[in-house]
N, C-alpha and C. Protein backbone atom coordinates (compact mmCIF):
# COMPACT_ATOMS: atom_id res chain seq x y z
N MET A 1 0.84 -1.18 0.00
CA MET A 1 0.00 0.00 0.00
C MET A 1 0.88 1.23 0.00
N VAL A 2 0.48 2.17 -0.76
CA VAL A 2 1.20 3.42 -0.85
C VAL A 2 0.92 4.23 0.41
N SER A 3 1.95 4.82 0.95
CA SER A 3 1.78 5.62 2.16
C SER A 3 0.87 6.81 1.89
N GLY A 4 -0.22 6.89 2.63
CA GLY A 4 -1.14 8.01 2.49
C GLY A 4 -2.01 7.97 1.26
N GLY A 5 -2.12 6.83 0.61
CA GLY A 5 -2.96 6.73 -0.58
C GLY A 5 -3.60 5.37 -0.69
N LEU A 6 -4.22 5.14 -1.82
CA LEU A 6 -4.91 3.88 -2.05
C LEU A 6 -4.01 2.91 -2.79
N SER A 7 -4.16 1.64 -2.48
CA SER A 7 -3.40 0.61 -3.18
C SER A 7 -4.08 0.30 -4.51
N THR A 8 -3.42 -0.50 -5.32
CA THR A 8 -3.98 -0.89 -6.61
C THR A 8 -5.25 -1.70 -6.44
N SER A 9 -5.27 -2.58 -5.44
CA SER A 9 -6.48 -3.37 -5.22
C SER A 9 -7.65 -2.50 -4.77
N ASP A 10 -7.36 -1.43 -4.03
CA ASP A 10 -8.43 -0.50 -3.65
C ASP A 10 -9.02 0.17 -4.88
N LYS A 11 -8.15 0.62 -5.77
CA LYS A 11 -8.61 1.37 -6.94
C LYS A 11 -9.33 0.50 -7.96
N PHE A 12 -8.84 -0.72 -8.18
CA PHE A 12 -9.37 -1.52 -9.26
C PHE A 12 -10.26 -2.67 -8.81
N PHE A 13 -10.41 -2.89 -7.51
CA PHE A 13 -11.29 -3.96 -7.04
C PHE A 13 -12.33 -3.45 -6.05
N PHE A 14 -11.89 -2.87 -4.95
CA PHE A 14 -12.82 -2.51 -3.88
C PHE A 14 -13.74 -1.35 -4.24
N ILE A 15 -13.24 -0.34 -4.92
CA ILE A 15 -14.10 0.78 -5.32
C ILE A 15 -15.14 0.35 -6.35
N PRO A 16 -14.76 -0.37 -7.43
CA PRO A 16 -15.80 -0.81 -8.38
C PRO A 16 -16.82 -1.76 -7.76
N ILE A 17 -16.37 -2.68 -6.90
CA ILE A 17 -17.31 -3.61 -6.27
C ILE A 17 -18.28 -2.85 -5.38
N GLY A 18 -17.79 -1.89 -4.61
CA GLY A 18 -18.67 -1.09 -3.76
C GLY A 18 -19.68 -0.30 -4.57
N ILE A 19 -19.24 0.28 -5.68
CA ILE A 19 -20.14 1.06 -6.53
C ILE A 19 -21.18 0.15 -7.18
N ILE A 20 -20.76 -1.03 -7.63
CA ILE A 20 -21.70 -1.97 -8.25
C ILE A 20 -22.75 -2.42 -7.25
N LEU A 21 -22.34 -2.75 -6.02
CA LEU A 21 -23.30 -3.19 -5.01
C LEU A 21 -24.26 -2.07 -4.63
N LEU A 22 -23.74 -0.87 -4.42
CA LEU A 22 -24.62 0.27 -4.10
C LEU A 22 -25.57 0.56 -5.26
N GLY A 23 -25.03 0.57 -6.46
CA GLY A 23 -25.85 0.88 -7.63
C GLY A 23 -26.93 -0.15 -7.88
N SER A 24 -26.61 -1.43 -7.71
CA SER A 24 -27.63 -2.46 -7.93
C SER A 24 -28.71 -2.40 -6.86
N ALA A 25 -28.33 -2.10 -5.62
CA ALA A 25 -29.34 -1.98 -4.56
C ALA A 25 -30.26 -0.79 -4.82
N VAL A 26 -29.69 0.34 -5.20
CA VAL A 26 -30.51 1.53 -5.48
C VAL A 26 -31.40 1.28 -6.70
N TRP A 27 -30.85 0.63 -7.73
CA TRP A 27 -31.64 0.32 -8.93
C TRP A 27 -32.81 -0.57 -8.56
N ASN A 28 -32.58 -1.58 -7.72
CA ASN A 28 -33.67 -2.46 -7.29
C ASN A 28 -34.74 -1.69 -6.52
N TRP A 29 -34.31 -0.80 -5.63
CA TRP A 29 -35.27 -0.02 -4.85
C TRP A 29 -36.08 0.91 -5.75
N LEU A 30 -35.43 1.53 -6.74
CA LEU A 30 -36.14 2.44 -7.63
C LEU A 30 -37.15 1.72 -8.51
N HIS A 31 -36.94 0.43 -8.74
CA HIS A 31 -37.86 -0.34 -9.56
C HIS A 31 -38.82 -1.18 -8.72
N GLY A 32 -38.96 -0.82 -7.46
CA GLY A 32 -39.99 -1.42 -6.63
C GLY A 32 -39.65 -2.75 -6.00
N TRP A 33 -38.39 -3.13 -5.98
CA TRP A 33 -38.01 -4.41 -5.41
C TRP A 33 -37.43 -4.16 -4.03
N PHE A 34 -38.30 -4.09 -3.03
CA PHE A 34 -37.89 -3.80 -1.66
C PHE A 34 -37.78 -5.11 -0.89
N ASP A 35 -36.58 -5.59 -0.68
CA ASP A 35 -36.39 -6.78 0.12
C ASP A 35 -35.08 -6.66 0.90
N LEU A 36 -34.86 -7.62 1.77
CA LEU A 36 -33.67 -7.57 2.62
C LEU A 36 -32.39 -7.83 1.84
N TYR A 37 -32.48 -8.57 0.74
CA TYR A 37 -31.28 -8.83 -0.05
C TYR A 37 -30.71 -7.53 -0.63
N SER A 38 -31.58 -6.65 -1.11
CA SER A 38 -31.13 -5.36 -1.62
C SER A 38 -30.52 -4.51 -0.51
N LEU A 39 -31.11 -4.58 0.68
CA LEU A 39 -30.55 -3.85 1.81
C LEU A 39 -29.17 -4.38 2.18
N ILE A 40 -29.00 -5.70 2.13
CA ILE A 40 -27.69 -6.29 2.42
C ILE A 40 -26.67 -5.86 1.38
N TRP A 41 -27.05 -5.86 0.10
CA TRP A 41 -26.13 -5.39 -0.95
C TRP A 41 -25.74 -3.94 -0.70
N PHE A 42 -26.72 -3.11 -0.35
CA PHE A 42 -26.45 -1.70 -0.08
C PHE A 42 -25.48 -1.54 1.09
N LEU A 43 -25.72 -2.27 2.17
CA LEU A 43 -24.86 -2.14 3.35
C LEU A 43 -23.45 -2.66 3.10
N ILE A 44 -23.32 -3.73 2.34
CA ILE A 44 -21.98 -4.24 2.00
C ILE A 44 -21.24 -3.22 1.14
N GLY A 45 -21.93 -2.67 0.13
CA GLY A 45 -21.30 -1.66 -0.72
C GLY A 45 -20.93 -0.41 0.04
N ALA A 46 -21.81 0.04 0.92
CA ALA A 46 -21.52 1.24 1.72
C ALA A 46 -20.36 0.99 2.67
N ASN A 47 -20.35 -0.16 3.31
CA ASN A 47 -19.26 -0.49 4.23
C ASN A 47 -17.93 -0.59 3.48
N ASN A 48 -17.97 -1.18 2.29
CA ASN A 48 -16.77 -1.30 1.47
C ASN A 48 -16.23 0.08 1.09
N LEU A 49 -17.11 0.96 0.64
CA LEU A 49 -16.66 2.30 0.24
C LEU A 49 -16.22 3.13 1.44
N LEU A 50 -16.84 2.93 2.59
CA LEU A 50 -16.39 3.64 3.79
C LEU A 50 -15.00 3.19 4.22
N LEU A 51 -14.72 1.90 4.10
CA LEU A 51 -13.38 1.40 4.44
C LEU A 51 -12.32 1.96 3.49
N VAL A 52 -12.66 2.04 2.20
CA VAL A 52 -11.73 2.64 1.24
C VAL A 52 -11.58 4.13 1.52
N GLY A 53 -12.67 4.80 1.84
CA GLY A 53 -12.62 6.22 2.16
C GLY A 53 -11.78 6.52 3.38
N GLN A 54 -11.79 5.61 4.33
CA GLN A 54 -10.97 5.78 5.53
C GLN A 54 -9.48 5.79 5.18
N ARG A 55 -9.11 4.96 4.20
CA ARG A 55 -7.71 4.95 3.76
C ARG A 55 -7.39 6.13 2.85
N ALA A 56 -8.39 6.57 2.08
CA ALA A 56 -8.14 7.65 1.12
C ALA A 56 -8.06 9.02 1.80
N TRP A 57 -8.87 9.24 2.82
CA TRP A 57 -8.91 10.52 3.51
C TRP A 57 -8.64 10.32 4.99
N PRO A 58 -7.38 10.18 5.38
CA PRO A 58 -7.07 9.94 6.79
C PRO A 58 -7.45 11.10 7.70
N TYR A 59 -7.59 12.30 7.15
CA TYR A 59 -7.98 13.45 7.97
C TYR A 59 -9.37 13.26 8.59
N TYR A 60 -10.26 12.58 7.86
CA TYR A 60 -11.63 12.35 8.33
C TYR A 60 -11.79 10.98 8.98
N ARG A 61 -10.71 10.42 9.48
CA ARG A 61 -10.72 9.08 10.05
C ARG A 61 -11.71 8.93 11.20
N HIS A 62 -11.87 9.97 12.02
CA HIS A 62 -12.79 9.87 13.16
C HIS A 62 -14.24 9.77 12.70
N ARG A 63 -14.60 10.39 11.59
CA ARG A 63 -15.96 10.27 11.07
C ARG A 63 -16.21 8.88 10.52
N PHE A 64 -15.20 8.35 9.81
CA PHE A 64 -15.33 6.98 9.30
C PHE A 64 -15.37 5.98 10.44
N ALA A 65 -14.67 6.28 11.53
CA ALA A 65 -14.66 5.38 12.68
C ALA A 65 -16.03 5.30 13.35
N ILE A 66 -16.89 6.25 13.09
CA ILE A 66 -18.26 6.20 13.60
C ILE A 66 -19.19 5.51 12.60
N LEU A 67 -19.04 5.83 11.32
CA LEU A 67 -19.95 5.30 10.30
C LEU A 67 -19.73 3.82 10.01
N ILE A 68 -18.49 3.36 10.02
CA ILE A 68 -18.20 1.97 9.68
C ILE A 68 -18.85 1.00 10.67
N PRO A 69 -18.72 1.20 11.99
CA PRO A 69 -19.42 0.27 12.90
C PRO A 69 -20.94 0.34 12.80
N ILE A 70 -21.49 1.51 12.47
CA ILE A 70 -22.95 1.61 12.33
C ILE A 70 -23.42 0.77 11.15
N THR A 71 -22.76 0.90 9.99
CA THR A 71 -23.16 0.10 8.84
C THR A 71 -22.89 -1.38 9.07
N SER A 72 -21.81 -1.69 9.78
CA SER A 72 -21.52 -3.10 10.08
C SER A 72 -22.58 -3.70 10.99
N MET A 73 -22.99 -2.97 12.00
CA MET A 73 -24.03 -3.47 12.91
C MET A 73 -25.36 -3.61 12.19
N ALA A 74 -25.69 -2.67 11.33
CA ALA A 74 -26.93 -2.79 10.55
C ALA A 74 -26.87 -4.01 9.63
N LEU A 75 -25.71 -4.28 9.05
CA LEU A 75 -25.54 -5.45 8.20
C LEU A 75 -25.70 -6.74 9.00
N ILE A 76 -25.12 -6.78 10.19
CA ILE A 76 -25.24 -7.97 11.04
C ILE A 76 -26.69 -8.19 11.45
N LEU A 77 -27.37 -7.13 11.87
CA LEU A 77 -28.77 -7.27 12.29
C LEU A 77 -29.68 -7.67 11.13
N THR A 78 -29.44 -7.11 9.95
CA THR A 78 -30.25 -7.46 8.78
C THR A 78 -30.03 -8.92 8.39
N SER A 79 -28.78 -9.35 8.39
CA SER A 79 -28.48 -10.75 8.06
C SER A 79 -29.06 -11.70 9.09
N ALA A 80 -28.99 -11.33 10.36
CA ALA A 80 -29.55 -12.18 11.41
C ALA A 80 -31.07 -12.27 11.28
N TYR A 81 -31.71 -11.16 10.97
CA TYR A 81 -33.17 -11.18 10.79
C TYR A 81 -33.55 -12.03 9.59
N LEU A 82 -32.81 -11.92 8.51
CA LEU A 82 -33.08 -12.73 7.32
C LEU A 82 -32.91 -14.21 7.63
N LEU A 83 -31.86 -14.56 8.35
CA LEU A 83 -31.64 -15.95 8.75
C LEU A 83 -32.76 -16.43 9.68
N TRP A 84 -33.18 -15.58 10.61
CA TRP A 84 -34.24 -15.95 11.55
C TRP A 84 -35.56 -16.21 10.82
N THR A 85 -35.89 -15.37 9.85
CA THR A 85 -37.13 -15.59 9.10
C THR A 85 -37.04 -16.85 8.25
N TYR A 86 -35.85 -17.16 7.74
CA TYR A 86 -35.68 -18.38 6.95
C TYR A 86 -35.83 -19.62 7.83
N VAL A 87 -35.21 -19.61 9.00
CA VAL A 87 -35.29 -20.75 9.91
C VAL A 87 -36.72 -20.90 10.45
N LYS A 88 -37.37 -19.79 10.73
CA LYS A 88 -38.73 -19.82 11.25
C LYS A 88 -39.70 -20.39 10.22
N ALA A 89 -39.48 -20.11 8.94
CA ALA A 89 -40.37 -20.57 7.89
C ALA A 89 -40.21 -22.06 7.59
N SER A 90 -39.04 -22.61 7.88
CA SER A 90 -38.84 -24.03 7.54
C SER A 90 -39.05 -24.95 8.70
């Protein structure tokens, strides 16, 4: 990793994957597909981009240190709820 910047994997893997996940979740929501899978895609993409942003802008590290655990906890709770509804239904 380059000191004070983004690595090659950040630029060519993590940023595009985060944008694709966020974009697909928003596209699904705009077309009326409201489900937990889209929310999980959105949270994974947001968490991914927040982690990259933390490395890209170290000056704002304290803000990212608040947002990353919030999105991670929302992702954990959403996944647990989805698993609970699946187990309850079977």
